[in-house]
All heavy atoms as atom14 arrays in JSON, in Angstrom:
{
  "sequence": "NEPITLDESNYSLPSGITQTEEPGSQRTVQILAQRMIEISD",
  "atom14_mask": [
    [1, 1, 1, 1, 1, 1, 1, 1, 0, 0, 0, 0, 0, 0],
    [1, 1, 1, 1, 1, 1, 1, 1, 1, 0, 0, 0, 0, 0],
    [1, 1, 1, 1, 1, 1, 1, 0, 0, 0, 0, 0, 0, 0],
    [1, 1, 1, 1, 1, 1, 1, 1, 0, 0, 0, 0, 0, 0],
    [1, 1, 1, 1, 1, 1, 1, 0, 0, 0, 0, 0, 0, 0],
    [1, 1, 1, 1, 1, 1, 1, 1, 0, 0, 0, 0, 0, 0],
    [1, 1, 1, 1, 1, 1, 1, 1, 0, 0, 0, 0, 0, 0],
    [1, 1, 1, 1, 1, 1, 1, 1, 1, 0, 0, 0, 0, 0],
    [1, 1, 1, 1, 1, 1, 0, 0, 0, 0, 0, 0, 0, 0],
    [1, 1, 1, 1, 1, 1, 1, 1, 0, 0, 0, 0, 0, 0],
    [1, 1, 1, 1, 1, 1, 1, 1, 1, 1, 1, 1, 0, 0],
    [1, 1, 1, 1, 1, 1, 0, 0, 0, 0, 0, 0, 0, 0],
    [1, 1, 1, 1, 1, 1, 1, 1, 0, 0, 0, 0, 0, 0],
    [1, 1, 1, 1, 1, 1, 1, 0, 0, 0, 0, 0, 0, 0],
    [1, 1, 1, 1, 1, 1, 0, 0, 0, 0, 0, 0, 0, 0],
    [1, 1, 1, 1, 0, 0, 0, 0, 0, 0, 0, 0, 0, 0],
    [1, 1, 1, 1, 1, 1, 1, 1, 0, 0, 0, 0, 0, 0],
    [1, 1, 1, 1, 1, 1, 1, 0, 0, 0, 0, 0, 0, 0],
    [1, 1, 1, 1, 1, 1, 1, 1, 1, 0, 0, 0, 0, 0],
    [1, 1, 1, 1, 1, 1, 1, 0, 0, 0, 0, 0, 0, 0],
    [1, 1, 1, 1, 1, 1, 1, 1, 1, 0, 0, 0, 0, 0],
    [1, 1, 1, 1, 1, 1, 1, 1, 1, 0, 0, 0, 0, 0],
    [1, 1, 1, 1, 1, 1, 1, 0, 0, 0, 0, 0, 0, 0],
    [1, 1, 1, 1, 0, 0, 0, 0, 0, 0, 0, 0, 0, 0],
    [1, 1, 1, 1, 1, 1, 0, 0, 0, 0, 0, 0, 0, 0],
    [1, 1, 1, 1, 1, 1, 1, 1, 1, 0, 0, 0, 0, 0],
    [1, 1, 1, 1, 1, 1, 1, 1, 1, 1, 1, 0, 0, 0],
    [1, 1, 1, 1, 1, 1, 1, 0, 0, 0, 0, 0, 0, 0],
    [1, 1, 1, 1, 1, 1, 1, 0, 0, 0, 0, 0, 0, 0],
    [1, 1, 1, 1, 1, 1, 1, 1, 1, 0, 0, 0, 0, 0],
    [1, 1, 1, 1, 1, 1, 1, 1, 0, 0, 0, 0, 0, 0],
    [1, 1, 1, 1, 1, 1, 1, 1, 0, 0, 0, 0, 0, 0],
    [1, 1, 1, 1, 1, 0, 0, 0, 0, 0, 0, 0, 0, 0],
    [1, 1, 1, 1, 1, 1, 1, 1, 1, 0, 0, 0, 0, 0],
    [1, 1, 1, 1, 1, 1, 1, 1, 1, 1, 1, 0, 0, 0],
    [1, 1, 1, 1, 1, 1, 1, 1, 0, 0, 0, 0, 0, 0],
    [1, 1, 1, 1, 1, 1, 1, 1, 0, 0, 0, 0, 0, 0],
    [1, 1, 1, 1, 1, 1, 1, 1, 1, 0, 0, 0, 0, 0],
    [1, 1, 1, 1, 1, 1, 1, 1, 0, 0, 0, 0, 0, 0],
    [1, 1, 1, 1, 1, 1, 0, 0, 0, 0, 0, 0, 0, 0],
    [1, 1, 1, 1, 1, 1, 1, 1, 0, 0, 0, 0, 0, 0]
  ],
  "atom14_positions": [
    [[-101.55, -163.86, 50.87], [-100.54, -164.75, 51.43], [-99.12, -164.2, 51.34], [-98.16, -164.9, 51.66], [-100.61, -166.12, 50.76], [-101.91, -166.84, 51.06], [-102.41, -166.78, 52.18], [-102.47, -167.51, 50.05], [0.0, 0.0, 0.0], [0.0, 0.0, 0.0], [0.0, 0.0, 0.0], [0.0, 0.0, 0.0], [0.0, 0.0, 0.0], [0.0, 0.0, 0.0]],
    [[-98.99, -162.97, 50.89], [-97.67, -162.36, 50.76], [-97.04, -162.18, 52.15], [-97.66, -161.64, 53.06], [-97.79, -161.01, 50.08], [-96.48, -160.28, 49.9], [-96.65, -158.99, 49.12], [-97.56, -158.92, 48.26], [-95.86, -158.06, 49.34], [0.0, 0.0, 0.0], [0.0, 0.0, 0.0], [0.0, 0.0, 0.0], [0.0, 0.0, 0.0], [0.0, 0.0, 0.0]],
    [[-95.8, -162.64, 52.33], [-95.15, -162.48, 53.64], [-94.64, -161.06, 53.84], [-94.06, -160.46, 52.93], [-93.99, -163.48, 53.58], [-93.68, -163.6, 52.13], [-94.98, -163.42, 51.39], [0.0, 0.0, 0.0], [0.0, 0.0, 0.0], [0.0, 0.0, 0.0], [0.0, 0.0, 0.0], [0.0, 0.0, 0.0], [0.0, 0.0, 0.0], [0.0, 0.0, 0.0]],
    [[-94.88, -160.52, 55.02], [-94.41, -159.19, 55.38], [-93.38, -159.33, 56.5], [-93.67, -159.95, 57.54], [-95.57, -158.3, 55.86], [-96.67, -158.24, 54.79], [-95.07, -156.9, 56.22], [-96.21, -157.75, 53.45], [0.0, 0.0, 0.0], [0.0, 0.0, 0.0], [0.0, 0.0, 0.0], [0.0, 0.0, 0.0], [0.0, 0.0, 0.0], [0.0, 0.0, 0.0]],
    [[-92.21, -158.78, 56.32], [-91.17, -158.83, 57.33], [-91.4, -157.74, 58.37], [-91.53, -156.55, 58.01], [-89.78, -158.66, 56.7], [-89.58, -159.7, 55.73], [-88.69, -158.74, 57.75], [0.0, 0.0, 0.0], [0.0, 0.0, 0.0], [0.0, 0.0, 0.0], [0.0, 0.0, 0.0], [0.0, 0.0, 0.0], [0.0, 0.0, 0.0], [0.0, 0.0, 0.0]],
    [[-91.47, -158.12, 59.62], [-91.71, -157.15, 60.69], [-90.5, -156.24, 60.85], [-89.37, -156.71, 61.01], [-92.03, -157.86, 62.0], [-93.25, -158.78, 61.99], [-93.53, -159.32, 63.39], [-94.49, -158.04, 61.45], [0.0, 0.0, 0.0], [0.0, 0.0, 0.0], [0.0, 0.0, 0.0], [0.0, 0.0, 0.0], [0.0, 0.0, 0.0], [0.0, 0.0, 0.0]],
    [[-90.76, -154.94, 60.8], [-89.72, -153.92, 60.82], [-89.91, -153.07, 62.08], [-90.99, -152.55, 62.33], [-89.84, -153.05, 59.57], [-88.7, -152.06, 59.42], [-88.24, -151.52, 60.44], [-88.31, -151.79, 58.27], [0.0, 0.0, 0.0], [0.0, 0.0, 0.0], [0.0, 0.0, 0.0], [0.0, 0.0, 0.0], [0.0, 0.0, 0.0], [0.0, 0.0, 0.0]],
    [[-88.84, -152.93, 62.84], [-88.93, -152.22, 64.12], [-89.45, -150.8, 63.96], [-90.06, -150.24, 64.88], [-87.57, -152.23, 64.82], [-87.66, -151.94, 66.3], [-86.38, -152.34, 67.02], [-85.42, -152.76, 66.36], [-86.37, -152.23, 68.26], [0.0, 0.0, 0.0], [0.0, 0.0, 0.0], [0.0, 0.0, 0.0], [0.0, 0.0, 0.0], [0.0, 0.0, 0.0]],
    [[-89.22, -150.19, 62.81], [-89.68, -148.82, 62.59], [-91.2, -148.73, 62.54], [-91.76, -147.63, 62.67], [-89.08, -148.26, 61.31], [-89.58, -148.94, 60.16], [0.0, 0.0, 0.0], [0.0, 0.0, 0.0], [0.0, 0.0, 0.0], [0.0, 0.0, 0.0], [0.0, 0.0, 0.0], [0.0, 0.0, 0.0], [0.0, 0.0, 0.0], [0.0, 0.0, 0.0]],
    [[-91.87, -149.86, 62.34], [-93.33, -149.89, 62.29], [-93.95, -150.49, 63.56], [-95.15, -150.77, 63.57], [-93.81, -150.68, 61.07], [-93.41, -150.01, 59.77], [-93.46, -148.79, 59.65], [-92.98, -150.82, 58.8], [0.0, 0.0, 0.0], [0.0, 0.0, 0.0], [0.0, 0.0, 0.0], [0.0, 0.0, 0.0], [0.0, 0.0, 0.0], [0.0, 0.0, 0.0]],
    [[-93.14, -150.67, 64.6], [-93.68, -151.19, 65.85], [-94.4, -150.07, 66.6], [-93.98, -148.92, 66.57], [-92.57, -151.78, 66.72], [-92.25, -153.23, 66.38], [-91.97, -153.6, 65.06], [-92.22, -154.2, 67.35], [-91.67, -154.92, 64.74], [-91.92, -155.53, 67.04], [-91.66, -155.88, 65.73], [-91.38, -157.19, 65.41], [0.0, 0.0, 0.0], [0.0, 0.0, 0.0]],
    [[-95.49, -150.46, 67.27], [-96.29, -149.5, 68.01], [-96.58, -150.07, 69.39], [-96.03, -151.1, 69.79], [-97.6, -149.22, 67.24], [-98.32, -148.16, 67.83], [0.0, 0.0, 0.0], [0.0, 0.0, 0.0], [0.0, 0.0, 0.0], [0.0, 0.0, 0.0], [0.0, 0.0, 0.0], [0.0, 0.0, 0.0], [0.0, 0.0, 0.0], [0.0, 0.0, 0.0]],
    [[-97.44, -149.4, 70.12], [-97.85, -149.84, 71.45], [-99.15, -150.63, 71.35], [-99.84, -150.57, 70.34], [-98.04, -148.62, 72.37], [-96.77, -147.81, 72.65], [-97.12, -146.58, 73.49], [-95.71, -148.65, 73.34], [0.0, 0.0, 0.0], [0.0, 0.0, 0.0], [0.0, 0.0, 0.0], [0.0, 0.0, 0.0], [0.0, 0.0, 0.0], [0.0, 0.0, 0.0]],
    [[-99.49, -151.39, 72.39], [-100.77, -152.12, 72.36], [-101.94, -151.16, 72.2], [-101.82, -149.97, 72.51], [-100.8, -152.8, 73.74], [-99.37, -152.84, 74.19], [-98.74, -151.62, 73.61], [0.0, 0.0, 0.0], [0.0, 0.0, 0.0], [0.0, 0.0, 0.0], [0.0, 0.0, 0.0], [0.0, 0.0, 0.0], [0.0, 0.0, 0.0], [0.0, 0.0, 0.0]],
    [[-103.1, -151.69, 71.69], [-103.47, -153.09, 71.74], [-102.82, -153.91, 70.62], [-102.34, -153.37, 69.64], [-105.01, -153.23, 71.64], [-105.48, -152.55, 70.49], [0.0, 0.0, 0.0], [0.0, 0.0, 0.0], [0.0, 0.0, 0.0], [0.0, 0.0, 0.0], [0.0, 0.0, 0.0], [0.0, 0.0, 0.0], [0.0, 0.0, 0.0], [0.0, 0.0, 0.0]],
    [[-102.89, -155.27, 70.84], [-102.35, -156.17, 69.86], [-101.31, -157.11, 70.44], [-100.98, -157.06, 71.64], [0.0, 0.0, 0.0], [0.0, 0.0, 0.0], [0.0, 0.0, 0.0], [0.0, 0.0, 0.0], [0.0, 0.0, 0.0], [0.0, 0.0, 0.0], [0.0, 0.0, 0.0], [0.0, 0.0, 0.0], [0.0, 0.0, 0.0], [0.0, 0.0, 0.0]],
    [[-100.77, -157.96, 69.56], [-99.72, -158.9, 69.95], [-98.5, -158.8, 69.07], [-97.42, -159.25, 69.44], [-100.25, -160.36, 69.94], [-100.75, -160.74, 68.54], [-101.32, -160.56, 70.99], [-101.11, -162.21, 68.4], [0.0, 0.0, 0.0], [0.0, 0.0, 0.0], [0.0, 0.0, 0.0], [0.0, 0.0, 0.0], [0.0, 0.0, 0.0], [0.0, 0.0, 0.0]],
    [[-98.63, -158.2, 67.9], [-97.52, -158.18, 66.94], [-96.31, -157.45, 67.51], [-95.16, -157.79, 67.19], [-97.96, -157.56, 65.61], [-99.16, -158.2, 65.17], [-96.91, -157.73, 64.53], [0.0, 0.0, 0.0], [0.0, 0.0, 0.0], [0.0, 0.0, 0.0], [0.0, 0.0, 0.0], [0.0, 0.0, 0.0], [0.0, 0.0, 0.0], [0.0, 0.0, 0.0]],
    [[-96.55, -156.47, 68.38], [-95.44, -155.71, 68.97], [-94.57, -156.58, 69.88], [-93.45, -156.2, 70.23], [-95.97, -154.49, 69.74], [-96.57, -154.78, 71.12], [-97.97, -155.33, 71.05], [-98.58, -155.39, 69.98], [-98.52, -155.72, 72.19], [0.0, 0.0, 0.0], [0.0, 0.0, 0.0], [0.0, 0.0, 0.0], [0.0, 0.0, 0.0], [0.0, 0.0, 0.0]],
    [[-95.05, -157.78, 70.25], [-94.26, -158.67, 71.1], [-93.42, -159.64, 70.29], [-92.63, -160.41, 70.85], [-95.18, -159.49, 72.03], [-95.95, -160.41, 71.25], [-96.11, -158.58, 72.82], [0.0, 0.0, 0.0], [0.0, 0.0, 0.0], [0.0, 0.0, 0.0], [0.0, 0.0, 0.0], [0.0, 0.0, 0.0], [0.0, 0.0, 0.0], [0.0, 0.0, 0.0]],
    [[-93.57, -159.63, 68.96], [-92.89, -160.59, 68.11], [-91.58, -160.01, 67.57], [-91.45, -158.78, 67.42], [-93.82, -161.04, 66.98], [-95.05, -161.76, 67.56], [-96.12, -162.07, 66.53], [-96.09, -161.47, 65.44], [-97.0, -162.9, 66.83], [0.0, 0.0, 0.0], [0.0, 0.0, 0.0], [0.0, 0.0, 0.0], [0.0, 0.0, 0.0], [0.0, 0.0, 0.0]],
    [[-90.65, -160.88, 67.25], [-89.3, -160.45, 66.91], [-89.26, -159.7, 65.57], [-89.82, -160.18, 64.57], [-88.37, -161.67, 66.8], [-87.98, -162.26, 68.14], [-87.13, -161.31, 68.96], [-86.26, -160.6, 68.37], [-87.33, -161.25, 70.18], [0.0, 0.0, 0.0], [0.0, 0.0, 0.0], [0.0, 0.0, 0.0], [0.0, 0.0, 0.0], [0.0, 0.0, 0.0]],
    [[-88.6, -158.54, 65.53], [-88.34, -157.91, 64.25], [-87.59, -158.87, 63.34], [-86.72, -159.62, 63.79], [-87.48, -156.7, 64.62], [-87.81, -156.41, 66.05], [-88.09, -157.75, 66.67], [0.0, 0.0, 0.0], [0.0, 0.0, 0.0], [0.0, 0.0, 0.0], [0.0, 0.0, 0.0], [0.0, 0.0, 0.0], [0.0, 0.0, 0.0], [0.0, 0.0, 0.0]],
    [[-87.94, -158.86, 62.06], [-87.33, -159.76, 61.11], [-88.15, -161.01, 60.86], [-87.95, -161.69, 59.85], [0.0, 0.0, 0.0], [0.0, 0.0, 0.0], [0.0, 0.0, 0.0], [0.0, 0.0, 0.0], [0.0, 0.0, 0.0], [0.0, 0.0, 0.0], [0.0, 0.0, 0.0], [0.0, 0.0, 0.0], [0.0, 0.0, 0.0], [0.0, 0.0, 0.0]],
    [[-89.07, -161.33, 61.77], [-89.96, -162.46, 61.52], [-91.01, -162.03, 60.5], [-91.16, -160.84, 60.2], [-90.62, -162.94, 62.81], [-91.31, -161.9, 63.47], [0.0, 0.0, 0.0], [0.0, 0.0, 0.0], [0.0, 0.0, 0.0], [0.0, 0.0, 0.0], [0.0, 0.0, 0.0], [0.0, 0.0, 0.0], [0.0, 0.0, 0.0], [0.0, 0.0, 0.0]],
    [[-91.73, -163.01, 59.96], [-92.66, -162.7, 58.87], [-94.09, -163.12, 59.24], [-94.3, -164.15, 59.89], [-92.23, -163.39, 57.58], [-90.93, -162.84, 57.01], [-90.61, -163.41, 55.65], [-90.92, -164.56, 55.35], [-89.99, -162.59, 54.8], [0.0, 0.0, 0.0], [0.0, 0.0, 0.0], [0.0, 0.0, 0.0], [0.0, 0.0, 0.0], [0.0, 0.0, 0.0]],
    [[-95.03, -162.31, 58.77], [-96.45, -162.62, 58.9], [-97.11, -162.26, 57.57], [-96.71, -161.29, 56.9], [-97.1, -161.81, 60.03], [-96.5, -162.06, 61.41], [-96.75, -163.46, 61.91], [-96.14, -163.69, 63.23], [-94.91, -164.14, 63.44], [-94.13, -164.43, 62.4], [-94.44, -164.32, 64.65], [0.0, 0.0, 0.0], [0.0, 0.0, 0.0], [0.0, 0.0, 0.0]],
    [[-98.12, -163.0, 57.18], [-98.77, -162.71, 55.91], [-99.66, -161.48, 56.01], [-100.06, -161.06, 57.1], [-99.62, -163.89, 55.44], [-100.72, -164.07, 56.35], [-98.8, -165.17, 55.35], [0.0, 0.0, 0.0], [0.0, 0.0, 0.0], [0.0, 0.0, 0.0], [0.0, 0.0, 0.0], [0.0, 0.0, 0.0], [0.0, 0.0, 0.0], [0.0, 0.0, 0.0]],
    [[-100.01, -160.94, 54.86], [-100.94, -159.82, 54.8], [-102.26, -160.18, 55.49], [-102.8, -159.38, 56.26], [-101.19, -159.41, 53.33], [-102.34, -158.4, 53.24], [-99.92, -158.82, 52.72], [0.0, 0.0, 0.0], [0.0, 0.0, 0.0], [0.0, 0.0, 0.0], [0.0, 0.0, 0.0], [0.0, 0.0, 0.0], [0.0, 0.0, 0.0], [0.0, 0.0, 0.0]],
    [[-102.76, -161.38, 55.21], [-104.05, -161.76, 55.8], [-103.97, -161.86, 57.32], [-104.9, -161.42, 58.02], [-104.53, -163.09, 55.21], [-105.94, -163.46, 55.71], [-106.52, -164.64, 54.96], [-106.05, -165.0, 53.88], [-107.57, -165.23, 55.51], [0.0, 0.0, 0.0], [0.0, 0.0, 0.0], [0.0, 0.0, 0.0], [0.0, 0.0, 0.0], [0.0, 0.0, 0.0]],
    [[-102.89, -162.39, 57.85], [-102.75, -162.48, 59.3], [-102.71, -161.09, 59.92], [-103.37, -160.82, 60.93], [-101.49, -163.29, 59.68], [-101.73, -164.77, 59.41], [-101.11, -163.07, 61.14], [-100.5, -165.63, 59.59], [0.0, 0.0, 0.0], [0.0, 0.0, 0.0], [0.0, 0.0, 0.0], [0.0, 0.0, 0.0], [0.0, 0.0, 0.0], [0.0, 0.0, 0.0]],
    [[-101.95, -160.18, 59.33], [-101.88, -158.82, 59.86], [-103.23, -158.13, 59.76], [-103.65, -157.41, 60.69], [-100.81, -158.03, 59.13], [-99.36, -158.5, 59.35], [-98.39, -157.63, 58.56], [-98.99, -158.5, 60.83], [0.0, 0.0, 0.0], [0.0, 0.0, 0.0], [0.0, 0.0, 0.0], [0.0, 0.0, 0.0], [0.0, 0.0, 0.0], [0.0, 0.0, 0.0]],
    [[-103.95, -158.32, 58.66], [-105.28, -157.72, 58.51], [-106.24, -158.29, 59.54], [-107.05, -157.56, 60.14], [-105.81, -157.95, 57.1], [0.0, 0.0, 0.0], [0.0, 0.0, 0.0], [0.0, 0.0, 0.0], [0.0, 0.0, 0.0], [0.0, 0.0, 0.0], [0.0, 0.0, 0.0], [0.0, 0.0, 0.0], [0.0, 0.0, 0.0], [0.0, 0.0, 0.0]],
    [[-106.18, -159.61, 59.75], [-107.04, -160.25, 60.76], [-106.77, -159.67, 62.14], [-107.7, -159.33, 62.88], [-106.78, -161.76, 60.78], [-107.73, -162.55, 61.67], [-109.08, -162.78, 61.01], [-109.13, -163.19, 59.86], [-110.15, -162.49, 61.72], [0.0, 0.0, 0.0], [0.0, 0.0, 0.0], [0.0, 0.0, 0.0], [0.0, 0.0, 0.0], [0.0, 0.0, 0.0]],
    [[-105.51, -159.55, 62.49], [-105.17, -158.98, 63.8], [-105.61, -157.53, 63.91], [-106.06, -157.08, 64.97], [-103.66, -159.08, 64.02], [-103.14, -160.49, 64.22], [-101.63, -160.49, 64.37], [-101.1, -161.83, 64.63], [-99.8, -162.1, 64.85], [-98.92, -161.1, 64.82], [-99.41, -163.33, 65.08], [0.0, 0.0, 0.0], [0.0, 0.0, 0.0], [0.0, 0.0, 0.0]],
    [[-105.45, -156.76, 62.83], [-105.82, -155.35, 62.84], [-107.29, -155.16, 63.21], [-107.64, -154.24, 63.99], [-105.55, -154.72, 61.48], [-106.0, -153.27, 61.36], [-105.53, -152.49, 59.8], [-106.59, -153.37, 58.63], [0.0, 0.0, 0.0], [0.0, 0.0, 0.0], [0.0, 0.0, 0.0], [0.0, 0.0, 0.0], [0.0, 0.0, 0.0], [0.0, 0.0, 0.0]],
    [[-108.17, -156.0, 62.69], [-109.59, -155.83, 62.92], [-110.05, -156.61, 64.15], [-110.76, -156.08, 65.01], [-110.4, -156.27, 61.68], [-109.97, -155.44, 60.45], [-111.89, -156.11, 61.94], [-110.17, -153.95, 60.59], [0.0, 0.0, 0.0], [0.0, 0.0, 0.0], [0.0, 0.0, 0.0], [0.0, 0.0, 0.0], [0.0, 0.0, 0.0], [0.0, 0.0, 0.0]],
    [[-109.63, -157.87, 64.27], [-110.15, -158.71, 65.34], [-109.69, -158.26, 66.72], [-110.49, -158.22, 67.66], [-109.74, -160.16, 65.1], [-110.31, -161.13, 66.13], [-109.96, -162.57, 65.85], [-109.28, -162.85, 64.83], [-110.36, -163.44, 66.65], [0.0, 0.0, 0.0], [0.0, 0.0, 0.0], [0.0, 0.0, 0.0], [0.0, 0.0, 0.0], [0.0, 0.0, 0.0]],
    [[-108.41, -157.92, 66.86], [-107.9, -157.51, 68.17], [-107.33, -156.1, 68.14], [-106.63, -155.68, 69.06], [-106.85, -158.51, 68.7], [-105.65, -158.62, 67.74], [-107.47, -159.87, 68.95], [-104.49, -159.45, 68.31], [0.0, 0.0, 0.0], [0.0, 0.0, 0.0], [0.0, 0.0, 0.0], [0.0, 0.0, 0.0], [0.0, 0.0, 0.0], [0.0, 0.0, 0.0]],
    [[-107.63, -155.36, 67.09], [-107.22, -153.97, 66.94], [-105.71, -153.81, 67.14], [-105.24, -152.9, 67.83], [-107.98, -153.07, 67.92], [-108.09, -151.76, 67.42], [0.0, 0.0, 0.0], [0.0, 0.0, 0.0], [0.0, 0.0, 0.0], [0.0, 0.0, 0.0], [0.0, 0.0, 0.0], [0.0, 0.0, 0.0], [0.0, 0.0, 0.0], [0.0, 0.0, 0.0]],
    [[-104.96, -154.66, 66.49], [-103.51, -154.71, 66.63], [-102.87, -153.5, 65.95], [-102.92, -153.35, 64.73], [-103.0, -156.02, 66.0], [-101.56, -156.33, 66.32], [-100.7, -155.45, 66.13], [-101.3, -157.47, 66.76], [0.0, 0.0, 0.0], [0.0, 0.0, 0.0], [0.0, 0.0, 0.0], [0.0, 0.0, 0.0], [0.0, 0.0, 0.0], [0.0, 0.0, 0.0]]
  ]
}
């Protein structure tokens, strides 16, 4: 449940949806892990 702040230096190209979200917003470790595997973010 640790919040991770989205940093523009770690933005990549699709697949995924996280690259469409604002830098500085936060997502938990579990959400990022879920996206990494489920939609190959």
